[in-house]
Protein backbone atom coordinates (compact mmCIF):
# COMPACT_ATOMS: atom_id res chain seq x y z
CA MET A 1 -2.92 -24.11 3.54
CA LYS A 2 -0.22 -24.49 6.21
CA HIS A 3 2.39 -25.10 3.51
CA HIS A 4 1.28 -21.99 1.59
CA PHE A 5 1.28 -19.90 4.76
CA LEU A 6 4.84 -20.87 5.70
CA ARG A 7 6.11 -20.42 2.16
CA HIS A 8 4.64 -16.96 1.64
CA TYR A 9 5.05 -15.59 5.16
CA SER A 10 8.46 -17.03 6.00
CA PHE A 11 10.21 -13.76 5.16
CA SER A 12 7.68 -11.75 7.19
CA ILE A 13 8.26 -14.08 10.14
CA LEU A 14 12.02 -13.59 9.70
CA LEU A 15 11.56 -9.80 9.74
CA ILE A 16 9.47 -9.94 12.90
CA PHE A 17 12.06 -12.21 14.52
CA SER A 18 14.93 -9.89 13.53
CA VAL A 19 13.08 -6.86 14.90
CA ALA A 20 12.38 -8.74 18.15
CA VAL A 21 16.07 -9.63 18.44
CA GLY A 22 16.99 -6.03 17.71
CA ALA A 23 14.56 -4.77 20.34
CA GLY A 24 16.06 -7.20 22.86
CA LEU A 25 19.55 -5.97 22.06
CA GLY A 26 18.34 -2.40 22.48
CA ILE A 27 16.97 -3.16 25.94
CA LEU A 28 20.23 -4.84 26.96
CA LEU A 29 22.65 -2.36 25.41
CA LYS A 30 20.58 0.81 25.98
CA GLU A 31 22.57 3.87 24.81
CA LYS A 32 25.41 1.66 23.58
CA SER A 33 23.07 0.33 20.86
CA ALA A 34 23.72 3.54 18.91
CA VAL A 35 26.77 1.81 17.39
CA LEU A 36 24.36 -0.43 15.43
CA LYS A 37 22.59 2.49 13.78
CA SER A 38 25.04 2.55 10.87
CA LEU A 39 23.96 -0.97 9.84
CA GLY A 40 20.39 0.26 9.64
CA ASP A 41 21.43 3.38 7.73
CA VAL A 42 22.90 1.19 5.00
CA PHE A 43 19.49 -0.44 4.48
CA LEU A 44 17.68 2.92 4.39
CA ASN A 45 20.18 4.42 1.94
CA LEU A 46 19.80 1.47 -0.42
CA LEU A 47 16.01 1.77 -0.37
CA PHE A 48 15.99 5.52 -0.88
CA THR A 49 18.43 5.15 -3.78
CA ALA A 50 16.24 2.57 -5.53
CA VAL A 51 12.86 4.22 -4.99
CA VAL A 52 13.10 6.81 -7.82
CA PRO A 53 13.82 4.41 -10.72
CA LEU A 54 11.48 1.82 -9.21
CA VAL A 55 8.50 4.20 -9.13
CA PHE A 56 9.23 5.48 -12.63
CA PHE A 57 9.53 2.08 -14.30
CA SER A 58 6.67 0.41 -12.40
CA ILE A 59 4.12 3.14 -13.23
CA SER A 60 5.21 3.95 -16.79
CA SER A 61 5.45 0.29 -17.84
CA ALA A 62 2.06 -0.56 -16.35
CA ILE A 63 0.36 2.26 -18.27
CA ALA A 64 2.26 1.58 -21.49
CA GLU A 65 1.13 -2.07 -21.45
CA MET A 66 -2.57 -1.20 -20.98
CA SER A 67 -3.12 -0.06 -24.55
CA ASP A 68 -5.18 -3.14 -25.38
CA LEU A 69 -7.81 -2.04 -22.84
CA ARG A 70 -8.64 1.30 -24.45
CA ARG A 71 -11.53 -0.16 -26.42
CA LEU A 72 -13.13 -0.97 -23.10
CA GLY A 73 -12.96 2.59 -21.85
CA LYS A 74 -16.37 2.53 -20.21
CA ILE A 75 -15.49 -0.50 -18.10
CA MET A 76 -12.15 1.01 -17.20
CA GLY A 77 -13.67 4.37 -16.31
CA TRP A 78 -16.27 2.96 -13.92
CA MET A 79 -13.72 0.55 -12.52
CA ILE A 80 -11.29 3.36 -11.60
CA LEU A 81 -14.12 5.42 -10.08
CA ILE A 82 -15.21 2.48 -7.91
CA PHE A 83 -11.63 1.81 -6.87
CA VAL A 84 -11.22 5.42 -5.74
CA VAL A 85 -14.59 5.59 -3.94
CA THR A 86 -14.06 2.35 -2.00
CA GLY A 87 -10.51 3.44 -1.16
CA ILE A 88 -11.85 6.70 0.26
CA VAL A 89 -14.52 4.88 2.27
CA SER A 90 -12.02 2.42 3.76
CA SER A 91 -9.57 5.23 4.58
CA CYS A 92 -12.28 7.29 6.30
CA LEU A 93 -13.29 4.26 8.34
CA MET A 94 -9.72 3.84 9.58
CA ILE A 95 -9.47 7.55 10.39
CA LEU A 96 -12.44 6.98 12.68
CA GLY A 97 -10.61 3.98 14.13
CA VAL A 98 -7.39 5.81 14.95
CA LYS A 99 -9.34 8.72 16.43
CA LEU A 100 -11.36 6.44 18.71
CA PHE A 101 -8.42 4.18 19.58
CA PRO A 102 -5.11 6.03 18.99
CA PRO A 103 -2.32 3.55 18.20
CA VAL A 104 0.18 5.66 20.15
CA LEU A 105 -0.27 7.02 23.68
CA LEU A 106 2.58 9.42 24.29
CA GLY A 107 2.60 12.61 26.30
CA HIS A 108 5.41 14.11 24.22
CA PRO A 109 7.05 13.63 20.80
CA ILE A 110 9.99 11.25 20.66
CA PHE A 111 11.48 12.62 17.42
CA GLU A 112 12.23 16.10 16.19
CA LEU A 113 10.98 17.41 12.85
CA PRO A 114 13.19 19.14 10.29
CA GLU A 115 13.21 22.90 10.69
CA ASP A 116 11.31 23.50 7.44
CA PHE A 117 8.64 20.85 8.01
CA ARG A 118 5.94 23.14 9.37
CA GLN A 119 6.51 25.74 6.65
CA ASN A 120 6.35 23.06 3.97
CA ASN A 121 3.40 21.04 5.23
CA ALA A 122 2.08 18.00 3.44
CA THR A 123 -0.76 19.77 1.61
CA ALA A 124 1.53 22.47 0.26
CA ARG A 125 4.07 19.87 -0.83
CA ILE A 126 1.49 17.97 -2.87
CA VAL A 127 0.08 21.11 -4.50
CA ARG A 128 3.48 22.51 -5.48
CA ALA A 129 5.36 19.34 -6.32
CA PHE A 130 3.41 17.99 -9.32
CA THR A 131 5.89 19.70 -11.65
CA VAL A 132 9.55 20.64 -11.37
CA PRO A 133 11.54 23.20 -13.40
CA ASP A 134 14.29 20.81 -14.48
CA PHE A 135 14.50 17.15 -15.45
CA ALA A 136 17.32 16.57 -12.97
CA HIS A 137 14.95 17.44 -10.14
CA LEU A 138 12.89 14.35 -10.98
CA LEU A 139 15.80 12.20 -9.84
CA SER A 140 15.26 13.18 -6.21
CA ARG A 141 12.88 11.35 -3.89
CA GLN A 142 11.89 14.75 -2.53
CA ASN A 143 9.93 15.32 -5.78
CA MET A 144 8.03 12.05 -5.85
CA PRO A 145 4.62 13.47 -6.99
CA ALA A 146 6.26 15.13 -9.99
CA LEU A 147 8.03 11.87 -10.82
CA ILE A 148 4.70 10.01 -10.73
CA VAL A 149 3.08 12.54 -13.09
CA PHE A 150 6.05 12.27 -15.45
CA ALA A 151 5.91 8.45 -15.36
CA ILE A 152 2.19 8.55 -16.23
CA LEU A 153 2.87 10.86 -19.19
CA ILE A 154 5.70 8.64 -20.42
CA GLY A 155 3.47 5.55 -20.17
CA LEU A 156 0.64 7.23 -22.07
CA ALA A 157 3.00 8.50 -24.77
CA ALA A 158 4.55 5.06 -25.20
CA SER A 159 1.08 3.55 -25.53
CA LEU A 160 -0.04 6.15 -28.10
CA ALA A 161 3.10 5.58 -30.19
CA ARG A 162 1.74 2.11 -31.07
CA GLU A 163 4.13 0.00 -33.18
CA GLU A 164 6.82 2.66 -33.32
CA GLY A 165 6.85 2.79 -29.53
CA LYS A 166 7.07 -0.97 -28.97
CA PRO A 167 10.87 -0.99 -28.42
CA PHE A 168 10.49 1.74 -25.81
CA VAL A 169 7.63 -0.14 -24.12
CA ASN A 170 9.87 -3.21 -24.00
CA PHE A 171 12.56 -1.05 -22.39
CA LEU A 172 10.13 0.18 -19.73
CA THR A 173 8.94 -3.38 -19.04
CA ALA A 174 12.51 -4.67 -18.78
CA GLY A 175 13.43 -1.74 -16.52
CA ASN A 176 10.52 -2.57 -14.24
CA LYS A 177 11.60 -6.19 -13.96
CA VAL A 178 15.20 -5.19 -13.27
CA MET A 179 14.19 -2.75 -10.52
CA MET A 180 12.00 -5.42 -8.94
CA LYS A 181 15.07 -7.65 -8.80
CA VAL A 182 17.05 -4.79 -7.26
CA ILE A 183 14.46 -4.44 -4.48
CA HIS A 184 14.52 -8.21 -4.06
CA LEU A 185 18.29 -8.12 -3.57
CA ILE A 186 18.10 -5.21 -1.13
CA MET A 187 15.46 -7.05 0.90
CA PHE A 188 17.98 -9.81 1.64
CA TYR A 189 19.67 -7.28 3.88
CA ALA A 190 16.37 -6.18 5.50
CA PRO A 191 16.56 -8.51 8.55
CA VAL A 192 20.01 -7.16 9.44
CA GLY A 193 19.18 -3.54 8.67
CA LEU A 194 15.84 -3.45 10.46
CA GLY A 195 17.11 -5.46 13.41
CA ALA A 196 20.04 -3.07 13.88
CA TYR A 197 17.85 0.00 13.52
CA PHE A 198 15.30 -1.25 16.02
CA ALA A 199 18.09 -2.03 18.47
CA HIS A 200 19.09 1.62 18.19
CA LEU A 201 15.50 2.89 18.48
CA VAL A 202 14.56 0.78 21.50
CA GLY A 203 17.92 1.42 23.16
CA THR A 204 17.45 5.18 22.93
CA LEU A 205 13.65 5.45 23.26
CA GLY A 206 12.84 2.70 25.75
CA PRO A 207 9.87 0.27 25.77
CA ASP A 208 7.25 2.77 24.51
CA LEU A 209 7.97 1.89 20.89
CA PRO A 210 7.12 -1.88 20.94
CA GLY A 211 3.92 -1.16 22.88
CA SER A 212 2.70 1.06 20.06
CA TYR A 213 2.83 -1.85 17.60
CA PHE A 214 0.58 -3.97 19.80
CA ARG A 215 -1.93 -1.11 19.76
CA VAL A 216 -1.66 -0.96 15.96
CA ILE A 217 -2.71 -4.61 15.73
CA ALA A 218 -5.52 -4.05 18.25
CA VAL A 219 -6.86 -1.16 16.16
CA TYR A 220 -6.30 -2.46 12.62
CA TYR A 221 -7.54 -6.05 12.79
CA PRO A 222 -11.07 -5.33 14.14
CA PHE A 223 -11.67 -2.43 11.74
CA ALA A 224 -10.31 -4.35 8.74
CA LEU A 225 -12.53 -7.35 9.51
CA PHE A 226 -15.51 -5.03 10.05
CA TYR A 227 -14.92 -3.46 6.64
CA PHE A 228 -14.52 -6.90 5.06
CA PHE A 229 -17.87 -8.13 6.33
CA ALA A 230 -19.99 -4.97 6.59
CA GLY A 231 -18.50 -2.99 3.71
CA SER A 232 -18.51 -5.91 1.29
CA SER A 233 -22.08 -6.78 2.27
CA LEU A 234 -23.27 -3.26 1.52
CA TYR A 235 -21.48 -3.11 -1.83
CA VAL A 236 -22.72 -6.47 -3.09
CA TRP A 237 -26.26 -5.70 -1.93
CA LEU A 238 -26.14 -2.53 -4.02
CA ALA A 239 -24.80 -4.55 -6.94
CA GLY A 240 -27.08 -7.58 -6.83
CA GLY A 241 -29.69 -7.30 -4.11
CA LYS A 242 -30.38 -10.23 -1.82
CA LYS A 243 -29.37 -12.83 -4.38
CA GLY A 244 -26.12 -11.01 -5.11
CA PHE A 245 -25.49 -10.92 -1.36
CA ARG A 246 -26.08 -14.68 -1.02
CA ASP A 247 -24.04 -15.56 -4.12
CA PHE A 248 -21.11 -13.41 -3.01
CA TRP A 249 -20.83 -14.84 0.49
CA GLY A 250 -21.46 -18.33 -0.85
CA ASN A 251 -18.39 -18.13 -3.09
CA ILE A 252 -15.95 -15.58 -1.68
CA MET A 253 -14.41 -17.52 1.22
CA PRO A 254 -11.97 -19.60 -0.91
CA PRO A 255 -10.41 -16.44 -2.41
CA ALA A 256 -10.46 -14.74 1.01
CA LEU A 257 -8.61 -17.63 2.66
CA THR A 258 -6.20 -17.83 -0.28
CA ALA A 259 -5.38 -14.14 0.13
CA TRP A 260 -4.92 -14.53 3.89
CA GLY A 261 -2.67 -17.57 3.45
CA THR A 262 -0.53 -16.34 0.53
CA GLY A 263 -0.28 -12.64 1.33
CA SER A 264 -0.60 -11.86 -2.38
CA SER A 265 -3.48 -10.27 -4.27
CA VAL A 266 -1.93 -11.40 -7.54
CA ALA A 267 -1.76 -15.03 -6.37
CA THR A 268 -5.48 -14.82 -5.52
CA VAL A 269 -6.54 -13.71 -9.02
CA PRO A 270 -7.42 -17.26 -10.25
CA ALA A 271 -9.58 -17.94 -7.19
CA ASN A 272 -11.26 -14.55 -7.56
CA LEU A 273 -12.01 -15.15 -11.24
CA GLU A 274 -13.58 -18.50 -10.42
CA ALA A 275 -15.70 -16.92 -7.69
CA ALA A 276 -16.80 -14.16 -10.09
CA ASP A 277 -17.87 -16.77 -12.65
CA ARG A 278 -19.92 -18.60 -10.04
CA ILE A 279 -21.54 -15.35 -8.91
CA GLY A 280 -22.48 -14.53 -12.50
CA VAL A 281 -20.24 -11.57 -13.29
CA PRO A 282 -19.80 -11.24 -17.09
CA LYS A 283 -16.38 -12.48 -18.11
CA ASP A 284 -15.51 -9.39 -20.13
CA VAL A 285 -15.89 -7.41 -16.89
CA SER A 286 -14.26 -9.80 -14.42
CA ARG A 287 -11.28 -10.48 -16.75
CA ILE A 288 -10.43 -6.77 -16.65
CA VAL A 289 -11.48 -5.59 -13.20
CA ILE A 290 -10.00 -8.41 -11.12
CA PRO A 291 -6.48 -8.57 -12.67
CA VAL A 292 -6.17 -4.77 -12.79
CA GLY A 293 -7.61 -4.51 -9.29
CA ALA A 294 -4.95 -6.92 -8.02
CA THR A 295 -2.36 -4.25 -8.82
CA ILE A 296 -4.07 -0.91 -8.07
CA HIS A 297 -7.17 -1.57 -5.90
CA MET A 298 -6.02 -1.74 -2.27
CA ASP A 299 -8.68 -0.87 0.31
CA GLY A 300 -6.85 -2.80 3.04
CA THR A 301 -3.61 -1.04 2.17
CA CYS A 302 -5.35 2.35 2.31
CA MET A 303 -6.51 1.52 5.83
CA GLY A 304 -2.98 0.51 6.77
CA ALA A 305 -1.58 3.76 5.34
CA ILE A 306 -3.88 5.78 7.62
CA VAL A 307 -2.56 3.85 10.62
CA LYS A 308 1.04 4.49 9.53
CA ILE A 309 0.38 8.21 9.04
CA SER A 310 -1.28 8.57 12.44
CA LEU A 311 1.64 6.69 13.98
CA LEU A 312 4.17 9.11 12.49
CA PHE A 313 2.11 12.13 13.53
CA ALA A 314 2.13 10.88 17.13
CA PHE A 315 5.85 10.07 17.15
CA PHE A 316 6.73 13.52 15.81
CA GLY A 317 4.27 15.39 17.99
CA LEU A 318 1.92 16.56 15.21
CA PRO A 319 -1.85 16.87 15.73
CA PHE A 320 -3.78 14.41 13.59
CA HIS A 321 -7.04 16.29 13.25
CA GLY A 322 -8.77 18.75 10.93
CA TRP A 323 -10.43 18.26 7.54
CA GLY A 324 -7.32 19.35 5.66
CA THR A 325 -5.18 16.83 7.53
CA TYR A 326 -7.73 14.06 6.92
CA ALA A 327 -8.10 14.87 3.20
CA THR A 328 -4.33 14.86 2.72
CA ALA A 329 -4.01 11.55 4.56
CA VAL A 330 -6.73 9.96 2.41
CA GLY A 331 -5.06 11.19 -0.79
CA ILE A 332 -1.67 9.86 0.24
CA ALA A 333 -3.26 6.56 1.34
CA LEU A 334 -4.86 6.13 -2.11
CA LEU A 335 -1.58 6.95 -3.85
CA SER A 336 0.52 4.64 -1.70
CA GLY A 337 -1.93 1.78 -2.29
CA MET A 338 -1.92 2.25 -6.07
CA VAL A 339 1.84 2.36 -6.55
CA MET A 340 2.98 -0.26 -4.05
CA SER A 341 0.98 -3.26 -5.19
CA GLY A 342 2.37 -6.18 -7.14
CA ILE A 343 5.95 -5.15 -6.38
CA PRO A 344 8.33 -7.28 -4.27
CA GLY A 345 9.03 -5.18 -1.22
CA GLY A 346 6.09 -3.01 -2.23
CA GLY A 347 5.17 -2.32 1.36
CA PHE A 348 8.42 -0.44 1.75
CA LEU A 349 7.66 1.54 -1.42
CA GLY A 350 4.32 2.66 -0.02
CA GLU A 351 6.00 3.64 3.23
CA LEU A 352 8.70 5.51 1.33
CA LEU A 353 5.98 7.51 -0.41
CA ILE A 354 4.33 8.37 2.90
CA VAL A 355 7.62 9.55 4.38
CA THR A 356 8.70 11.55 1.32
CA LEU A 357 5.31 13.11 0.52
CA TYR A 358 4.95 14.40 4.06
CA GLY A 359 8.61 15.39 4.29
CA PHE A 360 9.42 13.35 7.38
CA PRO A 361 13.13 12.65 7.97
CA ALA A 362 14.64 9.34 6.85
CA GLU A 363 14.53 7.81 10.32
CA ALA A 364 10.72 7.83 10.08
CA LEU A 365 10.80 4.90 7.65
CA PRO A 366 11.84 2.19 10.14
CA LEU A 367 9.12 3.40 12.53
CA ILE A 368 6.39 2.29 10.12
CA SER A 369 8.28 -0.48 8.34
CA MET A 370 6.93 -3.17 10.64
CA VAL A 371 3.30 -2.03 10.45
CA GLY A 372 2.83 -3.45 6.95
CA THR A 373 4.27 -6.80 8.02
CA LEU A 374 2.07 -7.01 11.11
CA ILE A 375 -1.19 -6.19 9.29
CA ASP A 376 -0.45 -7.98 6.02
CA PRO A 377 -2.88 -10.98 6.29
CA PRO A 378 -6.15 -9.04 6.83
CA ALA A 379 -4.98 -6.22 4.54
CA THR A 380 -4.38 -8.65 1.66
CA MET A 381 -7.76 -10.30 2.25
CA VAL A 382 -9.55 -6.93 2.08
CA ASN A 383 -7.50 -5.91 -0.98
CA SER A 384 -8.19 -9.08 -2.91
CA THR A 385 -11.87 -9.73 -2.20
CA GLY A 386 -12.57 -6.07 -2.95
CA ASP A 387 -11.72 -6.79 -6.60
CA THR A 388 -14.60 -9.27 -6.89
CA VAL A 389 -16.88 -6.74 -5.19
CA ALA A 390 -15.78 -4.07 -7.68
CA SER A 391 -16.49 -6.38 -10.64
CA MET A 392 -20.05 -6.85 -9.37
CA LEU A 393 -20.54 -3.09 -9.01
CA VAL A 394 -19.17 -2.39 -12.50
CA SER A 395 -21.51 -5.03 -13.96
CA ARG A 396 -24.48 -3.48 -12.19
CA ILE A 397 -23.63 0.03 -13.44
CA LEU A 398 -23.29 -1.27 -17.01
CA GLY A 399 -26.81 -2.68 -16.81
CA GLU A 400 -26.05 -6.36 -16.30
CA ARG A 401 -28.85 -8.21 -14.51
CA PHE A 402 -26.82 -10.88 -12.77
CA GLY A 403 -28.21 -11.93 -9.44
CA ILE A 404 -31.46 -10.01 -9.98
CA LYS A 405 -34.73 -11.69 -10.96
């Protein structure tokens, strides 16, 4: 386990180290650290340039390759519904967490919003941005929701084209793999870019910024662990009663520890499938729900997105309250969880979506870039074990009697 932990978290440790070095430089250099900002801008510009083709190819290729699952529409339908419901529940729990224990305690905003931000609030952006009047507008990160809708349509069309569409599906798949490699290459520069940017931030903002990240950990970890134990217990009791509860907790710890140690939901799929077999989940259900869930079912990520959103609201002096604000945050949390998973550097993609959907300026991205790294172990554990939970719920809805005498 120690070997797996070091192998899979070595880059995260490097990022944390580079940010710590950058923060130290910021404290020493103070206002002079502004000269390092350009090194951080290079990293941000590369990410923002890659995000549009990355989102398009990752979503369209995933949908185009799911044509073999259409015959199992009922399983897929209930699976998606359960994914959405559990994502909403986990997001609402974290909203309660950040309201009870705000991750940022500032008496004033430390960043200024663009002039048009308040006129073009997040809710209005989502409502109006699902379509654009010209194809060229899709090539801007400012129109990310419309790009996602277009990518879904392209994926569906490629799937419906069957044999005639196979070359195009292969193109989408190859494009997805190429863009993943692009992100991988950009991430080599991440330690330098993030370290330089944090030197600038700490040098100009002072010690308030690092203290906020300690509060993020203090808020996220207890609520994520509570959801893992209490939420999972409730779901599996609904799925299989007392015996389902006992079977789940008797078999889920190996996948949970694997997820914590590897930081990858995809790497945990084999352990989850084995646990599902031991619990008694029908294989035709578990073989669909768990692999698909490893890429689009992210309860822990949804909780992390709420923390990131509340963090940005505090830094920019926006009130994080009201049903409209909460509903928008939950919707964006679900979306960021679904599109970021299974992608190298996917945490940055989810954070890019948060920043662009709300319309925050580019400098907002580094502010939340470290949150995903700090909360990754419990988030991955919640993400991964939730797939086994979902397979039990789908089986129960379909009338399977596993775990029930």
